[in-house]
Amino acid sequence: MADMKELPQLIRDLVDMSRDYLRQEVIEPMKNLGRHAGMGLGGAILFSLGGFLALLGVYSLMKMVLPESAWYVVLARLITAVVGAASAGLVAWRISSDSV
């Protein structure tokens, strides 16, 4: 058993070792996790923006191709909605089939 004189040094060593272990096993992995989560969130935002701009392009193309009339504007919006829903369905189908 340790002497009473060695006890403060042993306690300091225990605290230092606990702090180093906590930093190594908890804090550093959490920093890496935060970095990866930030990259994933940034990628999701960019993909969403790209999808929105692609649908806006489809809508503009449909308005240019179809004749000018109120009903053809409605048809252009319907076609854009169908393309957007099909794209979202394709993405959801690929995600669900990859996870299984």
PDB file of N, CA and C in Angstrom:
ATOM      1  N   MET A   1       0.838  -1.174   0.000  1.00  0.00           N
ATOM      2  CA  MET A   1       0.000   0.000   0.000  1.00  0.00           C
ATOM      3  C   MET A   1       0.882   1.234   0.000  1.00  0.00           C
ATOM      4  N   ALA A   2       0.386   2.297  -0.579  1.00  0.00           N
ATOM      5  CA  ALA A   2       1.167   3.522  -0.710  1.00  0.00           C
ATOM      6  C   ALA A   2       1.222   4.274   0.615  1.00  0.00           C
ATOM      7  N   ASP A   3       2.332   4.994   0.786  1.00  0.00           N
ATOM      8  CA  ASP A   3       2.476   5.834   1.970  1.00  0.00           C
ATOM      9  C   ASP A   3       1.584   7.060   1.849  1.00  0.00           C
ATOM     10  N   MET A   4       1.358   7.735   2.959  1.00  0.00           N
ATOM     11  CA  MET A   4       0.562   8.947   2.954  1.00  0.00           C
ATOM     12  C   MET A   4       1.262  10.059   2.171  1.00  0.00           C
ATOM     13  N   LYS A   5       2.611  10.031   2.113  1.00  0.00           N
ATOM     14  CA  LYS A   5       3.349  11.051   1.381  1.00  0.00           C
ATOM     15  C   LYS A   5       3.187  10.864  -0.126  1.00  0.00           C
ATOM     16  N   GLU A   6       2.985   9.644  -0.563  1.00  0.00           N
ATOM     17  CA  GLU A   6       2.837   9.379  -2.002  1.00  0.00           C
ATOM     18  C   GLU A   6       1.415   9.614  -2.497  1.00  0.00           C
ATOM     19  N   LEU A   7       0.469   9.735  -1.625  1.00  0.00           N
ATOM     20  CA  LEU A   7      -0.938   9.854  -1.996  1.00  0.00           C
ATOM     21  C   LEU A   7      -1.246  11.090  -2.867  1.00  0.00           C
ATOM     22  N   PRO A   8      -0.756  12.291  -2.549  1.00  0.00           N
ATOM     23  CA  PRO A   8      -1.041  13.432  -3.441  1.00  0.00           C
ATOM     24  C   PRO A   8      -0.508  13.227  -4.854  1.00  0.00           C
ATOM     25  N   GLN A   9       0.678  12.643  -4.965  1.00  0.00           N
ATOM     26  CA  GLN A   9       1.254  12.389  -6.297  1.00  0.00           C
ATOM     27  C   GLN A   9       0.419  11.345  -7.049  1.00  0.00           C
ATOM     28  N   LEU A  10      -0.051  10.340  -6.367  1.00  0.00           N
ATOM     29  CA  LEU A  10      -0.889   9.327  -7.010  1.00  0.00           C
ATOM     30  C   LEU A  10      -2.223   9.924  -7.483  1.00  0.00           C
ATOM     31  N   ILE A  11      -2.781  10.817  -6.687  1.00  0.00           N
ATOM     32  CA  ILE A  11      -4.039  11.465  -7.071  1.00  0.00           C
ATOM     33  C   ILE A  11      -3.817  12.349  -8.294  1.00  0.00           C
ATOM     34  N   ARG A  12      -2.705  13.108  -8.330  1.00  0.00           N
ATOM     35  CA  ARG A  12      -2.393  13.935  -9.496  1.00  0.00           C
ATOM     36  C   ARG A  12      -2.210  13.075 -10.740  1.00  0.00           C
ATOM     37  N   ASP A  13      -1.526  11.966 -10.590  1.00  0.00           N
ATOM     38  CA  ASP A  13      -1.336  11.061 -11.726  1.00  0.00           C
ATOM     39  C   ASP A  13      -2.671  10.495 -12.219  1.00  0.00           C
ATOM     40  N   LEU A  14      -3.539  10.151 -11.290  1.00  0.00           N
ATOM     41  CA  LEU A  14      -4.851   9.633 -11.649  1.00  0.00           C
ATOM     42  C   LEU A  14      -5.676  10.676 -12.400  1.00  0.00           C
ATOM     43  N   VAL A  15      -5.643  11.922 -11.922  1.00  0.00           N
ATOM     44  CA  VAL A  15      -6.388  12.998 -12.577  1.00  0.00           C
ATOM     45  C   VAL A  15      -5.821  13.265 -13.970  1.00  0.00           C
ATOM     46  N   ASP A  16      -4.496  13.314 -14.093  1.00  0.00           N
ATOM     47  CA  ASP A  16      -3.876  13.537 -15.404  1.00  0.00           C
ATOM     48  C   ASP A  16      -4.189  12.406 -16.373  1.00  0.00           C
ATOM     49  N   MET A  17      -4.119  11.197 -15.888  1.00  0.00           N
ATOM     50  CA  MET A  17      -4.405  10.046 -16.731  1.00  0.00           C
ATOM     51  C   MET A  17      -5.878  10.029 -17.150  1.00  0.00           C
ATOM     52  N   SER A  18      -6.768  10.383 -16.251  1.00  0.00           N
ATOM     53  CA  SER A  18      -8.198  10.438 -16.578  1.00  0.00           C
ATOM     54  C   SER A  18      -8.473  11.536 -17.596  1.00  0.00           C
ATOM     55  N   ARG A  19      -7.847  12.700 -17.441  1.00  0.00           N
ATOM     56  CA  ARG A  19      -8.030  13.801 -18.380  1.00  0.00           C
ATOM     57  C   ARG A  19      -7.516  13.420 -19.774  1.00  0.00           C
ATOM     58  N   ASP A  20      -6.341  12.806 -19.828  1.00  0.00           N
ATOM     59  CA  ASP A  20      -5.788  12.375 -21.120  1.00  0.00           C
ATOM     60  C   ASP A  20      -6.671  11.323 -21.781  1.00  0.00           C
ATOM     61  N   TYR A  21      -7.171  10.385 -20.995  1.00  0.00           N
ATOM     62  CA  TYR A  21      -8.043   9.339 -21.539  1.00  0.00           C
ATOM     63  C   TYR A  21      -9.340   9.941 -22.070  1.00  0.00           C
ATOM     64  N   LEU A  22      -9.914  10.874 -21.310  1.00  0.00           N
ATOM     65  CA  LEU A  22     -11.146  11.529 -21.737  1.00  0.00           C
ATOM     66  C   LEU A  22     -10.923  12.293 -23.040  1.00  0.00           C
ATOM     67  N   ARG A  23      -9.820  13.003 -23.135  1.00  0.00           N
ATOM     68  CA  ARG A  23      -9.509  13.752 -24.348  1.00  0.00           C
ATOM     69  C   ARG A  23      -9.322  12.799 -25.532  1.00  0.00           C
ATOM     70  N   GLN A  24      -8.617  11.720 -25.320  1.00  0.00           N
ATOM     71  CA  GLN A  24      -8.304  10.778 -26.401  1.00  0.00           C
ATOM     72  C   GLN A  24      -9.529   9.989 -26.849  1.00  0.00           C
ATOM     73  N   GLU A  25     -10.352   9.548 -25.938  1.00  0.00           N
ATOM     74  CA  GLU A  25     -11.442   8.641 -26.277  1.00  0.00           C
ATOM     75  C   GLU A  25     -12.801   9.321 -26.473  1.00  0.00           C
ATOM     76  N   VAL A  26     -12.965  10.564 -26.036  1.00  0.00           N
ATOM     77  CA  VAL A  26     -14.266  11.206 -26.152  1.00  0.00           C
ATOM     78  C   VAL A  26     -14.193  12.501 -26.964  1.00  0.00           C
ATOM     79  N   ILE A  27     -13.309  13.393 -26.594  1.00  0.00           N
ATOM     80  CA  ILE A  27     -13.311  14.723 -27.199  1.00  0.00           C
ATOM     81  C   ILE A  27     -12.833  14.686 -28.642  1.00  0.00           C
ATOM     82  N   GLU A  28     -11.733  14.016 -28.929  1.00  0.00           N
ATOM     83  CA  GLU A  28     -11.226  13.959 -30.304  1.00  0.00           C
ATOM     84  C   GLU A  28     -12.202  13.250 -31.250  1.00  0.00           C
ATOM     85  N   PRO A  29     -12.784  12.094 -30.870  1.00  0.00           N
ATOM     86  CA  PRO A  29     -13.782  11.492 -31.770  1.00  0.00           C
ATOM     87  C   PRO A  29     -15.010  12.376 -31.980  1.00  0.00           C
ATOM     88  N   MET A  30     -15.412  13.141 -30.957  1.00  0.00           N
ATOM     89  CA  MET A  30     -16.554  14.034 -31.121  1.00  0.00           C
ATOM     90  C   MET A  30     -16.219  15.162 -32.091  1.00  0.00           C
ATOM     91  N   LYS A  31     -14.998  15.653 -32.071  1.00  0.00           N
ATOM     92  CA  LYS A  31     -14.596  16.680 -33.035  1.00  0.00           C
ATOM     93  C   LYS A  31     -14.648  16.115 -34.452  1.00  0.00           C
ATOM     94  N   ASN A  32     -14.154  14.897 -34.626  1.00  0.00           N
ATOM     95  CA  ASN A  32     -14.196  14.271 -35.952  1.00  0.00           C
ATOM     96  C   ASN A  32     -15.631  14.034 -36.399  1.00  0.00           C
ATOM     97  N   LEU A  33     -16.480  13.621 -35.485  1.00  0.00           N
ATOM     98  CA  LEU A  33     -17.890  13.403 -35.816  1.00  0.00           C
ATOM     99  C   LEU A  33     -18.554  14.708 -36.228  1.00  0.00           C
ATOM    100  N   GLY A  34     -18.268  15.786 -35.531  1.00  0.00           N
ATOM    101  CA  GLY A  34     -18.816  17.086 -35.887  1.00  0.00           C
ATOM    102  C   GLY A  34     -18.340  17.542 -37.257  1.00  0.00           C
ATOM    103  N   ARG A  35     -17.085  17.279 -37.569  1.00  0.00           N
ATOM    104  CA  ARG A  35     -16.547  17.652 -38.873  1.00  0.00           C
ATOM    105  C   ARG A  35     -17.252  16.872 -39.984  1.00  0.00           C
ATOM    106  N   HIS A  36     -17.447  15.566 -39.783  1.00  0.00           N
ATOM    107  CA  HIS A  36     -18.121  14.745 -40.786  1.00  0.00           C
ATOM    108  C   HIS A  36     -19.596  15.133 -40.916  1.00  0.00           C
ATOM    109  N   ALA A  37     -20.241  15.435 -39.810  1.00  0.00           N
ATOM    110  CA  ALA A  37     -21.643  15.854 -39.865  1.00  0.00           C
ATOM    111  C   ALA A  37     -21.780  17.180 -40.605  1.00  0.00           C
ATOM    112  N   GLY A  38     -20.853  18.081 -40.407  1.00  0.00           N
ATOM    113  CA  GLY A  38     -20.868  19.350 -41.126  1.00  0.00           C
ATOM    114  C   GLY A  38     -20.703  19.158 -42.617  1.00  0.00           C
ATOM    115  N   MET A  39     -19.807  18.257 -43.009  1.00  0.00           N
ATOM    116  CA  MET A  39     -19.620  17.964 -44.432  1.00  0.00           C
ATOM    117  C   MET A  39     -20.888  17.345 -45.021  1.00  0.00           C
ATOM    118  N   GLY A  40     -21.512  16.443 -44.284  1.00  0.00           N
ATOM    119  CA  GLY A  40     -22.744  15.821 -44.771  1.00  0.00           C
ATOM    120  C   GLY A  40     -23.870  16.828 -44.914  1.00  0.00           C
ATOM    121  N   LEU A  41     -23.991  17.731 -43.965  1.00  0.00           N
ATOM    122  CA  LEU A  41     -25.021  18.760 -44.036  1.00  0.00           C
ATOM    123  C   LEU A  41     -24.770  19.706 -45.199  1.00  0.00           C
ATOM    124  N   GLY A  42     -23.522  20.078 -45.399  1.00  0.00           N
ATOM    125  CA  GLY A  42     -23.180  20.938 -46.533  1.00  0.00           C
ATOM    126  C   GLY A  42     -23.483  20.261 -47.863  1.00  0.00           C
ATOM    127  N   GLY A  43     -23.156  18.974 -47.968  1.00  0.00           N
ATOM    128  CA  GLY A  43     -23.470  18.237 -49.189  1.00  0.00           C
ATOM    129  C   GLY A  43     -24.961  18.133 -49.432  1.00  0.00           C
ATOM    130  N   ALA A  44     -25.726  17.918 -48.381  1.00  0.00           N
ATOM    131  CA  ALA A  44     -27.176  17.827 -48.528  1.00  0.00           C
ATOM    132  C   ALA A  44     -27.765  19.156 -48.992  1.00  0.00           C
ATOM    133  N   ILE A  45     -27.244  20.250 -48.463  1.00  0.00           N
ATOM    134  CA  ILE A  45     -27.723  21.570 -48.881  1.00  0.00           C
ATOM    135  C   ILE A  45     -27.397  21.817 -50.346  1.00  0.00           C
ATOM    136  N   LEU A  46     -26.187  21.453 -50.770  1.00  0.00           N
ATOM    137  CA  LEU A  46     -25.811  21.662 -52.167  1.00  0.00           C
ATOM    138  C   LEU A  46     -26.635  20.782 -53.109  1.00  0.00           C
ATOM    139  N   PHE A  47     -26.878  19.528 -52.732  1.00  0.00           N
ATOM    140  CA  PHE A  47     -27.717  18.661 -53.561  1.00  0.00           C
ATOM    141  C   PHE A  47     -29.145  19.194 -53.642  1.00  0.00           C
ATOM    142  N   SER A  48     -29.668  19.701 -52.547  1.00  0.00           N
ATOM    143  CA  SER A  48     -31.019  20.270 -52.557  1.00  0.00           C
ATOM    144  C   SER A  48     -31.093  21.491 -53.460  1.00  0.00           C
ATOM    145  N   LEU A  49     -30.098  22.339 -53.378  1.00  0.00           N
ATOM    146  CA  LEU A  49     -30.056  23.517 -54.240  1.00  0.00           C
ATOM    147  C   LEU A  49     -29.954  23.110 -55.714  1.00  0.00           C
ATOM    148  N   GLY A  50     -29.136  22.105 -55.998  1.00  0.00           N
ATOM    149  CA  GLY A  50     -29.029  21.618 -57.372  1.00  0.00           C
ATOM    150  C   GLY A  50     -30.336  21.040 -57.887  1.00  0.00           C
ATOM    151  N   GLY A  51     -31.036  20.284 -57.053  1.00  0.00           N
ATOM    152  CA  GLY A  51     -32.329  19.738 -57.451  1.00  0.00           C
ATOM    153  C   GLY A  51     -33.354  20.823 -57.704  1.00  0.00           C
ATOM    154  N   PHE A  52     -33.358  21.844 -56.850  1.00  0.00           N
ATOM    155  CA  PHE A  52     -34.278  22.964 -57.036  1.00  0.00           C
ATOM    156  C   PHE A  52     -33.992  23.691 -58.343  1.00  0.00           C
ATOM    157  N   LEU A  53     -32.720  23.950 -58.622  1.00  0.00           N
ATOM    158  CA  LEU A  53     -32.371  24.650 -59.859  1.00  0.00           C
ATOM    159  C   LEU A  53     -32.667  23.791 -61.087  1.00  0.00           C
ATOM    160  N   ALA A  54     -32.489  22.478 -60.984  1.00  0.00           N
ATOM    161  CA  ALA A  54     -32.836  21.594 -62.100  1.00  0.00           C
ATOM    162  C   ALA A  54     -34.340  21.627 -62.363  1.00  0.00           C
ATOM    163  N   LEU A  55     -35.150  21.583 -61.327  1.00  0.00           N
ATOM    164  CA  LEU A  55     -36.602  21.670 -61.522  1.00  0.00           C
ATOM    165  C   LEU A  55     -37.023  23.029 -62.073  1.00  0.00           C
ATOM    166  N   LEU A  56     -36.344  24.073 -61.646  1.00  0.00           N
ATOM    167  CA  LEU A  56     -36.628  25.391 -62.197  1.00  0.00           C
ATOM    168  C   LEU A  56     -36.292  25.427 -63.687  1.00  0.00           C
ATOM    169  N   GLY A  57     -35.217  24.752 -64.073  1.00  0.00           N
ATOM    170  CA  GLY A  57     -34.856  24.650 -65.483  1.00  0.00           C
ATOM    171  C   GLY A  57     -35.880  23.853 -66.273  1.00  0.00           C
ATOM    172  N   VAL A  58     -36.387  22.768 -65.698  1.00  0.00           N
ATOM    173  CA  VAL A  58     -37.435  21.975 -66.367  1.00  0.00           C
ATOM    174  C   VAL A  58     -38.679  22.822 -66.568  1.00  0.00           C
ATOM    175  N   TYR A  59     -39.045  23.586 -65.567  1.00  0.00           N
ATOM    176  CA  TYR A  59     -40.228  24.440 -65.674  1.00  0.00           C
ATOM    177  C   TYR A  59     -40.040  25.504 -66.761  1.00  0.00           C
ATOM    178  N   SER A  60     -38.876  26.130 -66.783  1.00  0.00           N
ATOM    179  CA  SER A  60     -38.615  27.147 -67.798  1.00  0.00           C
ATOM    180  C   SER A  60     -38.608  26.540 -69.196  1.00  0.00           C
ATOM    181  N   LEU A  61     -38.041  25.345 -69.336  1.00  0.00           N
ATOM    182  CA  LEU A  61     -38.030  24.654 -70.629  1.00  0.00           C
ATOM    183  C   LEU A  61     -39.452  24.337 -71.081  1.00  0.00           C
ATOM    184  N   MET A  62     -40.279  23.852 -70.168  1.00  0.00           N
ATOM    185  CA  MET A  62     -41.661  23.537 -70.525  1.00  0.00           C
ATOM    186  C   MET A  62     -42.429  24.796 -70.939  1.00  0.00           C
ATOM    187  N   LYS A  63     -42.167  25.911 -70.272  1.00  0.00           N
ATOM    188  CA  LYS A  63     -42.836  27.156 -70.650  1.00  0.00           C
ATOM    189  C   LYS A  63     -42.383  27.636 -72.026  1.00  0.00           C
ATOM    190  N   MET A  64     -41.113  27.368 -72.382  1.00  0.00           N
ATOM    191  CA  MET A  64     -40.620  27.777 -73.692  1.00  0.00           C
ATOM    192  C   MET A  64     -41.137  26.865 -74.798  1.00  0.00           C
ATOM    193  N   VAL A  65     -41.234  25.567 -74.535  1.00  0.00           N
ATOM    194  CA  VAL A  65     -41.610  24.588 -75.556  1.00  0.00           C
ATOM    195  C   VAL A  65     -43.112  24.616 -75.820  1.00  0.00           C
ATOM    196  N   LEU A  66     -43.895  24.710 -74.760  1.00  0.00           N
ATOM    197  CA  LEU A  66     -45.351  24.672 -74.919  1.00  0.00           C
ATOM    198  C   LEU A  66     -45.880  26.012 -75.416  1.00  0.00           C
ATOM    199  N   PRO A  67     -46.989  25.997 -76.144  1.00  0.00           N
ATOM    200  CA  PRO A  67     -47.577  27.266 -76.603  1.00  0.00           C
ATOM    201  C   PRO A  67     -48.011  28.131 -75.422  1.00  0.00           C
ATOM    202  N   GLU A  68     -48.196  29.424 -75.686  1.00  0.00           N
ATOM    203  CA  GLU A  68     -48.565  30.361 -74.616  1.00  0.00           C
ATOM    204  C   GLU A  68     -50.074  30.352 -74.407  1.00  0.00           C
ATOM    205  N   SER A  69     -50.453  29.862 -73.255  1.00  0.00           N
ATOM    206  CA  SER A  69     -51.850  29.844 -72.850  1.00  0.00           C
ATOM    207  C   SER A  69     -51.866  29.542 -71.362  1.00  0.00           C
ATOM    208  N   ALA A  70     -52.931  29.925 -70.713  1.00  0.00           N
ATOM    209  CA  ALA A  70     -53.031  29.692 -69.270  1.00  0.00           C
ATOM    210  C   ALA A  70     -53.011  28.200 -68.955  1.00  0.00           C
ATOM    211  N   TRP A  71     -53.654  27.393 -69.789  1.00  0.00           N
ATOM    212  CA  TRP A  71     -53.700  25.956 -69.540  1.00  0.00           C
ATOM    213  C   TRP A  71     -52.346  25.294 -69.784  1.00  0.00           C
ATOM    214  N   TYR A  72     -51.569  25.835 -70.706  1.00  0.00           N
ATOM    215  CA  TYR A  72     -50.245  25.259 -70.942  1.00  0.00           C
ATOM    216  C   TYR A  72     -49.271  25.608 -69.817  1.00  0.00           C
ATOM    217  N   VAL A  73     -49.501  26.726 -69.160  1.00  0.00           N
ATOM    218  CA  VAL A  73     -48.706  27.050 -67.970  1.00  0.00           C
ATOM    219  C   VAL A  73     -49.020  26.044 -66.865  1.00  0.00           C
ATOM    220  N   VAL A  74     -50.299  25.710 -66.738  1.00  0.00           N
ATOM    221  CA  VAL A  74     -50.701  24.700 -65.755  1.00  0.00           C
ATOM    222  C   VAL A  74     -50.086  23.352 -66.120  1.00  0.00           C
ATOM    223  N   LEU A  75     -50.080  23.012 -67.411  1.00  0.00           N
ATOM    224  CA  LEU A  75     -49.471  21.758 -67.856  1.00  0.00           C
ATOM    225  C   LEU A  75     -47.970  21.749 -67.579  1.00  0.00           C
ATOM    226  N   ALA A  76     -47.309  22.886 -67.799  1.00  0.00           N
ATOM    227  CA  ALA A  76     -45.870  22.982 -67.505  1.00  0.00           C
ATOM    228  C   ALA A  76     -45.612  22.753 -66.019  1.00  0.00           C
ATOM    229  N   ARG A  77     -46.468  23.312 -65.178  1.00  0.00           N
ATOM    230  CA  ARG A  77     -46.310  23.106 -63.735  1.00  0.00           C
ATOM    231  C   ARG A  77     -46.579  21.657 -63.356  1.00  0.00           C
ATOM    232  N   LEU A  78     -47.559  21.046 -63.988  1.00  0.00           N
ATOM    233  CA  LEU A  78     -47.867  19.642 -63.718  1.00  0.00           C
ATOM    234  C   LEU A  78     -46.713  18.741 -64.136  1.00  0.00           C
ATOM    235  N   ILE A  79     -46.159  18.985 -65.309  1.00  0.00           N
ATOM    236  CA  ILE A  79     -45.014  18.188 -65.772  1.00  0.00           C
ATOM    237  C   ILE A  79     -43.834  18.357 -64.833  1.00  0.00           C
ATOM    238  N   THR A  80     -43.594  19.585 -64.385  1.00  0.00           N
ATOM    239  CA  THR A  80     -42.502  19.837 -63.438  1.00  0.00           C
ATOM    240  C   THR A  80     -42.743  19.107 -62.117  1.00  0.00           C
ATOM    241  N   ALA A  81     -43.975  19.107 -61.643  1.00  0.00           N
ATOM    242  CA  ALA A  81     -44.300  18.398 -60.395  1.00  0.00           C
ATOM    243  C   ALA A  81     -44.105  16.900 -60.551  1.00  0.00           C
ATOM    244  N   VAL A  82     -44.498  16.356 -61.706  1.00  0.00           N
ATOM    245  CA  VAL A  82     -44.331  14.916 -61.943  1.00  0.00           C
ATOM    246  C   VAL A  82     -42.848  14.566 -62.009  1.00  0.00           C
ATOM    247  N   VAL A  83     -42.053  15.388 -62.687  1.00  0.00           N
ATOM    248  CA  VAL A  83     -40.605  15.139 -62.764  1.00  0.00           C
ATOM    249  C   VAL A  83     -39.984  15.215 -61.371  1.00  0.00           C
ATOM    250  N   GLY A  84     -40.388  16.200 -60.578  1.00  0.00           N
ATOM    251  CA  GLY A  84     -39.861  16.317 -59.216  1.00  0.00           C
ATOM    252  C   GLY A  84     -40.249  15.137 -58.342  1.00  0.00           C
ATOM    253  N   ALA A  85     -41.506  14.702 -58.445  1.00  0.00           N
ATOM    254  CA  ALA A  85     -41.955  13.549 -57.657  1.00  0.00           C
ATOM    255  C   ALA A  85     -41.247  12.278 -58.099  1.00  0.00           C
ATOM    256  N   ALA A  86     -41.047  12.128 -59.415  1.00  0.00           N
ATOM    257  CA  ALA A  86     -40.333  10.945 -59.914  1.00  0.00           C
ATOM    258  C   ALA A  86     -38.883  10.949 -59.439  1.00  0.00           C
ATOM    259  N   SER A  87     -38.263  12.105 -59.438  1.00  0.00           N
ATOM    260  CA  SER A  87     -36.877  12.205 -58.956  1.00  0.00           C
ATOM    261  C   SER A  87     -36.790  11.866 -57.469  1.00  0.00           C
ATOM    262  N   ALA A  88     -37.705  12.407 -56.685  1.00  0.00           N
ATOM    263  CA  ALA A  88     -37.713  12.110 -55.253  1.00  0.00           C
ATOM    264  C   ALA A  88     -37.991  10.631 -55.004  1.00  0.00           C
ATOM    265  N   GLY A  89     -38.904  10.045 -55.778  1.00  0.00           N
ATOM    266  CA  GLY A  89     -39.180   8.615 -55.644  1.00  0.00           C
ATOM    267  C   GLY A  89     -37.984   7.766 -56.007  1.00  0.00           C
ATOM    268  N   LEU A  90     -37.257   8.167 -57.055  1.00  0.00           N
ATOM    269  CA  LEU A  90     -36.057   7.422 -57.458  1.00  0.00           C
ATOM    270  C   LEU A  90     -34.996   7.474 -56.363  1.00  0.00           C
ATOM    271  N   VAL A  91     -34.808   8.639 -55.791  1.00  0.00           N
ATOM    272  CA  VAL A  91     -33.823   8.776 -54.709  1.00  0.00           C
ATOM    273  C   VAL A  91     -34.240   7.938 -53.504  1.00  0.00           C
ATOM    274  N   ALA A  92     -35.504   7.998 -53.127  1.00  0.00           N
ATOM    275  CA  ALA A  92     -35.987   7.218 -51.977  1.00  0.00           C
ATOM    276  C   ALA A  92     -35.866   5.726 -52.248  1.00  0.00           C
ATOM    277  N   TRP A  93     -36.153   5.304 -53.480  1.00  0.00           N
ATOM    278  CA  TRP A  93     -36.030   3.883 -53.826  1.00  0.00           C
ATOM    279  C   TRP A  93     -34.585   3.423 -53.743  1.00  0.00           C
ATOM    280  N   ARG A  94     -33.636   4.243 -54.226  1.00  0.00           N
ATOM    281  CA  ARG A  94     -32.228   3.864 -54.181  1.00  0.00           C
ATOM    282  C   ARG A  94     -31.720   3.838 -52.740  1.00  0.00           C
ATOM    283  N   ILE A  95     -32.177   4.764 -51.928  1.00  0.00           N
ATOM    284  CA  ILE A  95     -31.739   4.771 -50.531  1.00  0.00           C
ATOM    285  C   ILE A  95     -32.271   3.534 -49.809  1.00  0.00           C
ATOM    286  N   SER A  96     -33.534   3.193 -50.033  1.00  0.00           N
ATOM    287  CA  SER A  96     -34.097   2.044 -49.323  1.00  0.00           C
ATOM    288  C   SER A  96     -33.513   0.735 -49.830  1.00  0.00           C
ATOM    289  N   SER A  97     -33.171   0.646 -51.098  1.00  0.00           N
ATOM    290  CA  SER A  97     -32.606  -0.614 -51.598  1.00  0.00           C
ATOM    291  C   SER A  97     -31.153  -0.776 -51.195  1.00  0.00           C
ATOM    292  N   ASP A  98     -30.426   0.326 -50.975  1.00  0.00           N
ATOM    293  CA  ASP A  98     -29.040   0.238 -50.532  1.00  0.00           C
ATOM    294  C   ASP A  98     -28.928  -0.114 -49.064  1.00  0.00           C
ATOM    295  N   SER A  99     -29.906   0.260 -48.273  1.00  0.00           N
ATOM    296  CA  SER A  99     -29.824   0.023 -46.836  1.00  0.00           C
ATOM    297  C   SER A  99     -30.144  -1.403 -46.451  1.00  0.00           C
ATOM    298  N   VAL A 100     -30.790  -2.143 -47.324  1.00  0.00           N
ATOM    299  CA  VAL A 100     -31.183  -3.513 -46.998  1.00  0.00           C
ATOM    300  C   VAL A 100     -30.094  -4.471 -47.253  1.00  0.00           C
TER     301      VAL A 100
END
